[in-house]
Amino acid sequence: LYTRQGFGGLPVCMAKTQYSFSNDPAAKGAPSGFTFKVREVRVAAGAGWLIAVCGDMMMIPGLPTRPAFYEIDIDPDTGRVVGLS
């Protein structure tokens, strides 16, 4: 599917546990002879890579197109920071 959409040449970022080379956090260190299970593949077109999500993990959402700092300012009359809520 991603190849047909033009993303087939993108590098792959593996989203997996930090505790093992496998996607099983209980298999500590450098296990061998395991099958690496990929739960889903996502495209991060703006970043320029595919994300292979391996195992049970929560992904943090991407950033908005307009950063929040554009809405933050200091009121010159009161000196208070505005735009944080």
Protein backbone atom coordinates (compact mmCIF):
# COMPACT_ATOMS: atom_id res chain seq x y z
CA LEU A 1 0.00 0.00 0.00
CA TYR A 2 2.70 2.51 0.98
CA THR A 3 4.70 1.66 -2.14
CA ARG A 4 1.69 2.40 -4.35
CA GLN A 5 1.26 5.72 -2.54
CA GLY A 6 4.90 6.68 -3.20
CA PHE A 7 6.31 6.01 0.28
CA GLY A 8 8.10 2.73 -0.53
CA GLY A 9 11.56 4.29 -0.59
CA LEU A 10 11.35 5.88 2.87
CA PRO A 11 13.59 4.63 5.70
CA VAL A 12 11.95 2.66 8.52
CA CYS A 13 12.00 3.73 12.18
CA MET A 14 11.39 0.80 14.54
CA ALA A 15 9.17 1.73 17.51
CA LYS A 16 9.91 -1.08 19.99
CA THR A 17 10.84 -1.77 23.59
CA GLN A 18 14.18 -0.43 24.82
CA TYR A 19 14.75 -3.54 26.94
CA SER A 20 15.56 -6.02 24.19
CA PHE A 21 16.64 -6.30 20.56
CA SER A 22 13.40 -8.24 20.08
CA ASN A 23 9.94 -6.75 20.55
CA ASP A 24 9.50 -8.78 23.77
CA PRO A 25 10.56 -6.73 26.83
CA ALA A 26 10.98 -9.95 28.84
CA ALA A 27 13.67 -11.24 26.42
CA LYS A 28 16.50 -9.19 27.92
CA GLY A 29 19.78 -8.40 26.19
CA ALA A 30 20.44 -9.84 22.76
CA PRO A 31 18.16 -12.86 22.29
CA SER A 32 18.39 -15.02 19.18
CA GLY A 33 16.02 -17.20 17.20
CA PHE A 34 12.97 -15.00 17.73
CA THR A 35 10.31 -13.80 15.30
CA PHE A 36 10.03 -10.02 15.24
CA LYS A 37 6.35 -9.07 15.28
CA VAL A 38 5.21 -5.78 13.76
CA ARG A 39 1.79 -4.67 15.00
CA GLU A 40 1.25 -1.90 12.42
CA VAL A 41 3.12 0.37 10.03
CA ARG A 42 2.49 4.11 9.97
CA VAL A 43 3.73 6.74 7.56
CA ALA A 44 5.30 9.95 8.87
CA ALA A 45 5.37 11.77 5.54
CA GLY A 46 6.52 15.10 6.97
CA ALA A 47 9.40 13.47 8.84
CA GLY A 48 10.21 11.30 5.84
CA TRP A 49 10.03 7.78 7.28
CA LEU A 50 7.81 4.80 7.97
CA ILE A 51 7.22 3.74 11.58
CA ALA A 52 7.04 0.01 12.32
CA VAL A 53 5.14 -0.23 15.63
CA CYS A 54 6.27 -3.41 17.41
CA GLY A 55 4.61 -4.77 20.53
CA ASP A 56 2.30 -3.05 22.97
CA MET A 57 3.20 0.64 23.21
CA MET A 58 1.56 4.02 23.29
CA MET A 59 2.60 6.46 20.58
CA ILE A 60 2.74 10.16 21.35
CA PRO A 61 0.80 12.33 18.94
CA GLY A 62 2.50 14.54 16.41
CA LEU A 63 2.84 18.26 16.75
CA PRO A 64 0.24 20.65 15.35
CA THR A 65 0.95 22.55 12.14
CA ARG A 66 0.90 25.85 14.04
CA PRO A 67 3.07 25.78 17.21
CA ALA A 68 1.44 27.08 20.42
CA PHE A 69 4.15 29.68 21.01
CA TYR A 70 2.49 31.88 18.37
CA GLU A 71 -0.42 32.36 20.79
CA ILE A 72 1.71 33.15 23.88
CA ASP A 73 2.56 36.76 24.72
CA ILE A 74 3.04 39.19 27.58
CA ASP A 75 0.34 41.78 28.22
CA PRO A 76 2.25 45.11 28.22
CA ASP A 77 -0.24 46.71 30.62
CA THR A 78 -0.18 44.03 33.30
CA GLY A 79 3.06 42.16 32.62
CA ARG A 80 1.13 38.88 32.74
CA VAL A 81 1.67 35.99 30.36
CA VAL A 82 -1.37 35.42 28.14
CA GLY A 83 -2.32 32.62 25.76
CA LEU A 84 -1.39 29.63 27.92
CA SER A 85 -4.92 28.35 28.49
